[in-house]
Amino acid sequence: MEISSLWLRVLISVGLLILGFWVGRAGAGLVGWLARLTPDTRDDRYLRYIGWLWWGFTAAMIAALGAQVWQVRLEPFYAWGQVLFGWLGERGLAVLLILGATSLALRLVPRLLQRVPVGSGEFSREQVRLQTLKSVLESVLKVLIIALGVLFALSNLGLNVTALLAGAGVVGLGISLAAQNLIRDVINGFFILLEDQYGVGDVITVGQLSGGVERFNLRITVLRDLEGRVHFIPNSTIQQVTVMSRDWARAVVDVSVAYETPVDRALEVVRSEAEAFYHDPEWRDKFTDQPPETLGIQQLADSGILIRVLFNTKPKEQWAIGREFRRRIKLRLDAEGIAIPYPTRRIVNS
C-alpha cells in the first residue's frame, strides 16, 4: 500500500466519522424534539429507543463505508458499503453536503443576529422595535433556510422541483382554506409589527391576561405574567390590547386620611412628600420632566378622605414608584400624627 493511498484512506475515514456523528446527532435531535411535543411523558422511553436505534443504524452504515474504504470483506457490511458508495457517488454526497450546509446555516442565524445591537440600559421604544424585529427576522430566516435546503436536496435527488412547487401551490391553497386561523394570525401579526403596536419587552393586557411580552412572531404572542406563567396567544384572537409601557407611564396613588384630620393640612403634607420624592436623587431618573400633581380630594369614602396623587414616570417604572411613595407617605403621616382610617362600626341601642 502506498503512503499517499494510506493517508487518503485515513482522511476519508475521519470524514466518515464526522459525517456519522452529524447524521446520528441530527436524527437523535429530531426524535428528542418529537418527544417534547408529546403530552404524555410515558411515551418518551419509546422515543428514546428510536433514538438509540437511529444511532445504531448510523453506526452500521459508517461501518459499511469503512469496510469499503479499507477493503475489509466482512459481510454484510462490505456489500452495504458498495451500495452506499454507489449512491453517494451519484447523488448522496451532494444531498449530504446540502443538508450539512442547511444545518450549519440554521445554527449560524442566532449567532449572527446576536451581533445586531438591540440597545441596553434604559427601556425605550427603539429597543422594543429592535428586539421584536430580531425575533421575527430569526423565525423568517430559519423557515427560508429550511425551505431552500429541502428544495435543493429534492432537486439533487432527481425530483422535478418545478412540478413539486406547482403541486405544493395547489395543496397550499387547500391547506389555506382549512387553516384560515393561521393565515389570520400571520396577517394580524404583520400589522402589529408594522404599526409597532407592541413588542418584546412591553407590558400589555390582552383580555383577561396581563404580562410582559417574552416572545413575538407573526403567529403568536407569548406573555409571562407576574406569577411566572406563560401564555401563548394567537395573534388573530387579539382584538384589543392595552400597552402599559409605551413612551411614558403614570402611577396613580390614593392616600386615605381620617375625617378628623384638617383637610388643608393633609393636602399640604401629601403634596410636600410627593415633591420631596420627585426630587430624590436616587429616584429622579425614574420620573419624566413633569412634576407630580396632587389632584386634591378624590372621594369622601365611608371611612376616610381619599387624596389622589399622579406621578408621570418612565415606561415600566410606575409600579415601583407607586410602592415606594406608599411607603414614604405612611412614614410621613405617622410622623405628622395624621391617622389613616380603618373601617369602624357603630352600634346604637334603641
Protein backbone atom coordinates (compact mmCIF):
# COMPACT_ATOMS: atom_id res chain seq x y z
CA MET A 1 0.00 0.00 0.00
CA GLU A 2 1.37 3.41 -0.94
CA ILE A 3 1.75 6.14 1.67
CA SER A 4 -0.48 8.57 -0.26
CA SER A 5 -3.19 5.93 -0.50
CA LEU A 6 -2.91 5.30 3.24
CA TRP A 7 -3.27 8.98 4.07
CA LEU A 8 -6.23 9.26 1.70
CA ARG A 9 -7.96 6.39 3.44
CA VAL A 10 -7.27 7.95 6.84
CA LEU A 11 -8.74 11.27 5.73
CA ILE A 12 -11.81 9.58 4.26
CA SER A 13 -12.26 7.60 7.48
CA VAL A 14 -12.08 10.76 9.58
CA GLY A 15 -14.62 12.38 7.28
CA LEU A 16 -16.91 9.36 7.63
CA LEU A 17 -16.69 9.54 11.42
CA ILE A 18 -17.60 13.23 11.37
CA LEU A 19 -20.43 12.53 8.94
CA GLY A 20 -21.71 9.68 11.10
CA PHE A 21 -21.65 11.82 14.24
CA TRP A 22 -23.51 14.63 12.49
CA VAL A 23 -26.16 12.34 10.96
CA GLY A 24 -26.64 10.47 14.24
CA ARG A 25 -26.91 13.63 16.27
CA ALA A 26 -29.33 15.24 13.81
CA GLY A 27 -31.62 12.19 13.84
CA ALA A 28 -31.49 11.86 17.63
CA GLY A 29 -32.21 15.58 17.95
CA LEU A 30 -35.27 15.24 15.74
CA VAL A 31 -36.52 12.33 17.85
CA GLY A 32 -35.95 14.39 21.01
CA TRP A 33 -37.93 17.26 19.53
CA LEU A 34 -40.80 14.87 18.79
CA ALA A 35 -40.60 13.61 22.38
CA ARG A 36 -41.04 17.13 23.70
CA LEU A 37 -44.16 17.56 21.57
CA THR A 38 -45.94 14.55 23.08
CA PRO A 39 -48.07 15.48 26.10
CA ASP A 40 -47.59 12.15 27.88
CA THR A 41 -44.08 11.65 29.30
CA ARG A 42 -44.61 7.88 29.36
CA ASP A 43 -44.08 7.88 25.59
CA ASP A 44 -40.59 9.33 25.97
CA ARG A 45 -38.91 5.98 26.62
CA TYR A 46 -40.16 4.57 23.31
CA LEU A 47 -38.80 7.60 21.50
CA ARG A 48 -35.50 7.12 23.32
CA TYR A 49 -35.41 3.57 21.96
CA ILE A 50 -35.96 5.00 18.47
CA GLY A 51 -33.07 7.42 19.06
CA TRP A 52 -30.77 4.55 20.07
CA LEU A 53 -31.87 2.55 17.01
CA TRP A 54 -31.02 5.52 14.82
CA TRP A 55 -27.55 5.75 16.34
CA GLY A 56 -27.14 2.00 15.75
CA PHE A 57 -28.28 2.31 12.14
CA THR A 58 -25.91 5.22 11.56
CA ALA A 59 -23.01 3.30 13.10
CA ALA A 60 -23.76 0.30 10.85
CA MET A 61 -23.77 2.47 7.74
CA ILE A 62 -20.47 4.13 8.71
CA ALA A 63 -19.00 0.68 9.39
CA ALA A 64 -20.15 -0.45 5.91
CA LEU A 65 -18.49 2.57 4.29
CA GLY A 66 -15.37 1.94 6.36
CA ALA A 67 -15.27 -1.66 5.14
CA GLN A 68 -15.20 -0.36 1.57
CA VAL A 69 -12.50 2.22 2.33
CA TRP A 70 -10.18 -0.32 3.99
CA GLN A 71 -11.28 -3.25 1.76
CA VAL A 72 -12.36 -5.38 4.69
CA ARG A 73 -14.54 -8.12 3.17
CA LEU A 74 -16.78 -8.56 6.18
CA GLU A 75 -20.33 -9.32 5.13
CA PRO A 76 -22.91 -7.86 5.03
CA PHE A 77 -21.02 -4.59 5.68
CA TYR A 78 -18.89 -4.87 2.56
CA ALA A 79 -21.96 -5.33 0.30
CA TRP A 80 -23.79 -2.49 2.04
CA GLY A 81 -20.75 -0.30 1.56
CA GLN A 82 -20.77 -0.92 -2.19
CA VAL A 83 -24.41 0.16 -2.43
CA LEU A 84 -23.82 3.24 -0.25
CA PHE A 85 -20.74 4.32 -2.18
CA GLY A 86 -22.66 3.98 -5.43
CA TRP A 87 -25.44 6.15 -4.05
CA LEU A 88 -23.01 8.69 -2.62
CA GLY A 89 -21.16 8.87 -5.90
CA GLU A 90 -24.30 9.60 -7.89
CA ARG A 91 -26.37 11.90 -5.69
CA GLY A 92 -25.91 11.21 -2.00
CA LEU A 93 -22.79 13.27 -1.37
CA ALA A 94 -24.36 16.42 -2.81
CA VAL A 95 -27.52 15.85 -0.75
CA LEU A 96 -25.50 15.35 2.44
CA LEU A 97 -23.49 18.50 1.74
CA ILE A 98 -26.72 20.47 1.20
CA LEU A 99 -28.21 19.13 4.43
CA GLY A 100 -24.98 19.89 6.26
CA ALA A 101 -24.91 23.44 4.89
CA THR A 102 -28.57 23.88 5.87
CA SER A 103 -27.87 22.69 9.41
CA LEU A 104 -24.85 24.98 9.67
CA ALA A 105 -26.86 27.95 8.40
CA LEU A 106 -29.62 27.29 10.97
CA ARG A 107 -27.02 27.33 13.74
CA LEU A 108 -25.40 30.50 12.40
CA VAL A 109 -28.64 32.53 12.26
CA PRO A 110 -28.93 33.11 16.05
CA ARG A 111 -25.21 33.79 16.33
CA LEU A 112 -25.28 36.34 13.53
CA LEU A 113 -28.36 38.06 14.93
CA GLN A 114 -26.65 38.33 18.31
CA ARG A 115 -24.42 40.93 16.68
CA VAL A 116 -27.43 43.09 15.86
CA PRO A 117 -27.46 45.88 18.50
CA VAL A 118 -30.73 45.92 20.47
CA GLY A 119 -29.74 48.59 22.94
CA SER A 120 -29.09 48.23 26.64
CA GLY A 121 -29.84 50.06 29.80
CA GLU A 122 -32.93 52.26 29.80
CA PHE A 123 -36.11 50.79 28.31
CA SER A 124 -37.09 52.56 25.08
CA ARG A 125 -39.32 52.09 22.02
CA GLU A 126 -36.27 51.69 19.81
CA GLN A 127 -35.10 48.82 21.99
CA VAL A 128 -38.54 47.18 21.79
CA ARG A 129 -38.69 47.52 17.99
CA LEU A 130 -35.19 46.10 17.51
CA GLN A 131 -35.83 43.13 19.79
CA THR A 132 -39.13 42.39 18.07
CA LEU A 133 -37.68 42.70 14.57
CA LYS A 134 -34.78 40.47 15.61
CA SER A 135 -37.20 37.79 16.86
CA VAL A 136 -39.33 37.91 13.70
CA LEU A 137 -36.28 38.01 11.43
CA GLU A 138 -34.85 34.91 13.11
CA SER A 139 -38.08 32.98 12.53
CA VAL A 140 -38.37 34.07 8.90
CA LEU A 141 -34.73 33.27 8.11
CA LYS A 142 -34.98 29.80 9.63
CA VAL A 143 -38.11 29.00 7.62
CA LEU A 144 -36.47 30.31 4.43
CA ILE A 145 -33.26 28.30 5.01
CA ILE A 146 -35.19 25.09 5.66
CA ALA A 147 -37.36 25.60 2.57
CA LEU A 148 -34.36 26.26 0.32
CA GLY A 149 -32.43 23.33 1.79
CA VAL A 150 -35.31 20.92 1.20
CA LEU A 151 -35.81 22.17 -2.36
CA PHE A 152 -32.12 21.85 -3.26
CA ALA A 153 -31.94 18.38 -1.68
CA LEU A 154 -35.01 17.17 -3.57
CA SER A 155 -33.65 18.65 -6.79
CA ASN A 156 -30.37 16.73 -6.35
CA LEU A 157 -32.32 13.55 -5.73
CA GLY A 158 -33.74 13.91 -9.24
CA LEU A 159 -37.21 15.15 -8.39
CA ASN A 160 -38.88 17.77 -10.60
CA VAL A 161 -38.90 20.74 -8.23
CA THR A 162 -40.98 22.90 -10.63
CA ALA A 163 -43.76 20.35 -10.74
CA LEU A 164 -43.39 19.87 -7.00
CA LEU A 165 -43.80 23.62 -6.38
CA ALA A 166 -46.85 23.71 -8.65
CA GLY A 167 -48.37 20.82 -6.76
CA ALA A 168 -47.42 22.44 -3.48
CA GLY A 169 -49.23 25.58 -4.61
CA VAL A 170 -52.43 23.63 -5.17
CA VAL A 171 -52.01 21.79 -1.89
CA GLY A 172 -51.17 25.06 -0.17
CA LEU A 173 -54.39 26.58 -1.47
CA GLY A 174 -56.34 23.69 0.01
CA ILE A 175 -54.45 23.96 3.27
CA SER A 176 -55.03 27.71 3.39
CA LEU A 177 -58.77 27.16 3.16
CA ALA A 178 -58.56 24.74 6.07
CA ALA A 179 -56.10 26.86 8.06
CA GLN A 180 -57.74 30.25 7.86
CA ASN A 181 -56.97 30.99 11.51
CA LEU A 182 -53.25 30.52 10.81
CA ILE A 183 -53.43 32.98 7.92
CA ARG A 184 -55.30 35.47 10.11
CA ASP A 185 -52.59 35.02 12.76
CA VAL A 186 -49.87 35.92 10.26
CA ILE A 187 -51.75 38.89 8.80
CA ASN A 188 -52.61 40.31 12.21
CA GLY A 189 -49.06 39.73 13.42
CA PHE A 190 -47.72 41.56 10.37
CA PHE A 191 -49.84 44.64 11.11
CA ILE A 192 -48.92 44.54 14.81
CA LEU A 193 -45.28 44.62 13.75
CA LEU A 194 -45.81 47.21 11.00
CA GLU A 195 -47.72 49.61 13.27
CA ASP A 196 -45.42 48.99 16.26
CA GLN A 197 -48.41 48.32 18.49
CA TYR A 198 -46.22 46.44 20.99
CA GLY A 199 -43.10 44.32 21.01
CA VAL A 200 -40.73 42.18 23.01
CA GLY A 201 -40.23 43.75 26.45
CA ASP A 202 -43.54 45.62 26.56
CA VAL A 203 -46.05 45.03 29.36
CA ILE A 204 -49.53 44.55 27.91
CA THR A 205 -53.03 43.38 28.75
CA VAL A 206 -54.95 41.19 26.28
CA GLY A 207 -58.42 40.34 27.50
CA GLN A 208 -58.05 38.92 31.00
CA LEU A 209 -54.31 38.26 30.60
CA SER A 210 -51.54 40.67 31.58
CA GLY A 211 -47.78 40.27 31.46
CA GLY A 212 -44.53 41.08 29.74
CA VAL A 213 -44.09 40.18 26.08
CA GLU A 214 -41.43 37.48 26.20
CA ARG A 215 -41.59 36.44 22.55
CA PHE A 216 -43.37 37.68 19.45
CA ASN A 217 -43.57 36.37 15.90
CA LEU A 218 -46.06 36.64 13.09
CA ARG A 219 -48.15 33.77 14.50
CA ILE A 220 -48.23 34.09 18.30
CA THR A 221 -47.57 36.46 21.16
CA VAL A 222 -46.03 34.91 24.27
CA LEU A 223 -46.79 36.59 27.62
CA ARG A 224 -45.29 35.82 31.02
CA ASP A 225 -47.40 37.07 33.91
CA LEU A 226 -46.39 38.15 37.41
CA GLU A 227 -46.61 34.59 38.73
CA GLY A 228 -44.27 33.31 36.03
CA ARG A 229 -46.98 31.60 33.99
CA VAL A 230 -46.50 31.68 30.22
CA HIS A 231 -49.48 32.41 27.95
CA PHE A 232 -49.43 31.68 24.20
CA ILE A 233 -51.90 33.94 22.40
CA PRO A 234 -52.61 33.53 18.66
CA ASN A 235 -52.38 36.93 17.01
CA SER A 236 -55.75 36.51 15.27
CA THR A 237 -57.50 36.46 18.67
CA ILE A 238 -56.07 39.82 19.73
CA GLN A 239 -58.88 42.28 19.12
CA GLN A 240 -57.84 44.89 21.68
CA VAL A 241 -54.56 45.30 23.52
CA THR A 242 -53.60 47.70 26.32
CA VAL A 243 -49.92 48.67 26.40
CA MET A 244 -48.66 49.82 29.81
CA SER A 245 -45.09 50.64 28.77
CA ARG A 246 -45.49 52.97 25.81
CA ASP A 247 -43.38 56.16 25.83
CA TRP A 248 -44.32 57.09 29.41
CA ALA A 249 -46.49 55.78 32.26
CA ARG A 250 -48.39 57.13 35.24
CA ALA A 251 -48.54 55.98 38.85
CA VAL A 252 -51.90 56.81 40.43
CA VAL A 253 -51.68 56.73 44.23
CA ASP A 254 -54.67 57.24 46.51
CA VAL A 255 -53.93 58.29 50.10
CA SER A 256 -56.70 57.94 52.66
CA VAL A 257 -56.81 60.04 55.87
CA ALA A 258 -59.29 60.08 58.71
CA TYR A 259 -62.22 62.52 58.72
CA GLU A 260 -60.86 64.13 61.91
CA THR A 261 -57.78 65.34 60.01
CA PRO A 262 -57.77 69.00 58.87
CA VAL A 263 -58.17 68.74 55.10
CA ASP A 264 -55.79 71.55 54.12
CA ARG A 265 -53.05 70.21 56.39
CA ALA A 266 -53.44 66.70 54.94
CA LEU A 267 -53.24 68.07 51.40
CA GLU A 268 -50.11 70.05 52.24
CA VAL A 269 -48.39 67.01 53.80
CA VAL A 270 -49.19 64.78 50.81
CA ARG A 271 -48.11 67.49 48.36
CA SER A 272 -44.80 68.17 50.08
CA GLU A 273 -43.99 64.46 50.39
CA ALA A 274 -44.73 63.95 46.69
CA GLU A 275 -42.42 66.85 45.77
CA ALA A 276 -39.66 65.53 48.05
CA PHE A 277 -39.99 62.09 46.47
CA TYR A 278 -39.84 63.57 42.96
CA HIS A 279 -36.59 65.44 43.73
CA ASP A 280 -34.91 62.50 45.50
CA PRO A 281 -31.64 61.90 43.54
CA GLU A 282 -31.96 58.11 43.90
CA TRP A 283 -35.36 58.11 42.19
CA ARG A 284 -35.24 61.18 39.95
CA ASP A 285 -34.18 59.29 36.81
CA LYS A 286 -37.33 57.13 37.00
CA PHE A 287 -39.61 60.16 36.55
CA THR A 288 -40.32 62.25 33.48
CA ASP A 289 -39.76 66.01 33.49
CA GLN A 290 -43.35 66.65 34.56
CA PRO A 291 -43.57 67.09 38.37
CA PRO A 292 -46.14 65.18 40.46
CA GLU A 293 -49.66 66.52 40.65
CA THR A 294 -51.79 66.38 43.78
CA LEU A 295 -55.33 66.46 42.44
CA GLY A 296 -56.96 67.02 45.80
CA ILE A 297 -59.84 65.18 47.41
CA GLN A 298 -60.84 62.37 45.08
CA GLN A 299 -63.59 60.86 47.22
CA LEU A 300 -65.34 61.13 50.56
CA ALA A 301 -65.26 57.43 51.31
CA ASP A 302 -67.08 55.50 54.00
CA SER A 303 -64.22 55.59 56.48
CA GLY A 304 -61.97 58.40 55.31
CA ILE A 305 -60.99 61.14 52.87
CA LEU A 306 -59.27 59.97 49.67
CA ILE A 307 -56.49 62.18 48.25
CA ARG A 308 -55.17 61.33 44.78
CA VAL A 309 -51.61 61.95 43.55
CA LEU A 310 -50.30 61.46 39.98
CA PHE A 311 -46.68 60.68 39.08
CA ASN A 312 -45.54 60.67 35.45
CA THR A 313 -42.81 58.03 35.14
CA LYS A 314 -40.55 56.36 32.61
CA PRO A 315 -42.03 53.23 30.99
CA LYS A 316 -42.39 50.23 33.35
CA GLU A 317 -41.42 52.31 36.40
CA GLN A 318 -44.93 53.18 37.59
CA TRP A 319 -45.29 50.16 39.86
CA ALA A 320 -42.02 50.75 41.71
CA ILE A 321 -42.85 54.46 42.07
CA GLY A 322 -46.29 53.69 43.49
CA ARG A 323 -44.96 51.17 46.03
CA GLU A 324 -42.19 53.49 47.22
CA PHE A 325 -44.49 56.51 47.61
CA ARG A 326 -46.98 54.49 49.66
CA ARG A 327 -44.15 53.52 51.99
CA ARG A 328 -42.95 57.10 52.29
CA ILE A 329 -46.36 58.63 52.81
CA LYS A 330 -47.16 56.11 55.56
CA LEU A 331 -43.99 57.08 57.42
CA ARG A 332 -44.73 60.79 56.88
CA LEU A 333 -48.33 60.54 58.10
CA ASP A 334 -47.15 58.71 61.20
CA ALA A 335 -44.56 61.42 61.87
CA GLU A 336 -47.19 64.16 61.40
CA GLY A 337 -49.69 62.43 63.65
CA ILE A 338 -52.24 62.07 60.84
CA ALA A 339 -54.37 58.96 61.25
CA ILE A 340 -55.02 56.54 58.43
CA PRO A 341 -58.66 55.44 58.68
CA TYR A 342 -59.85 51.92 59.13
CA PRO A 343 -63.39 50.52 58.91
CA THR A 344 -65.44 51.06 62.06
CA ARG A 345 -68.91 50.03 63.06
CA ARG A 346 -71.18 51.98 65.41
CA ILE A 347 -73.89 50.08 67.28
CA VAL A 348 -76.84 52.14 68.61
CA ASN A 349 -79.14 50.65 71.23
CA SER A 350 -82.69 51.84 70.77
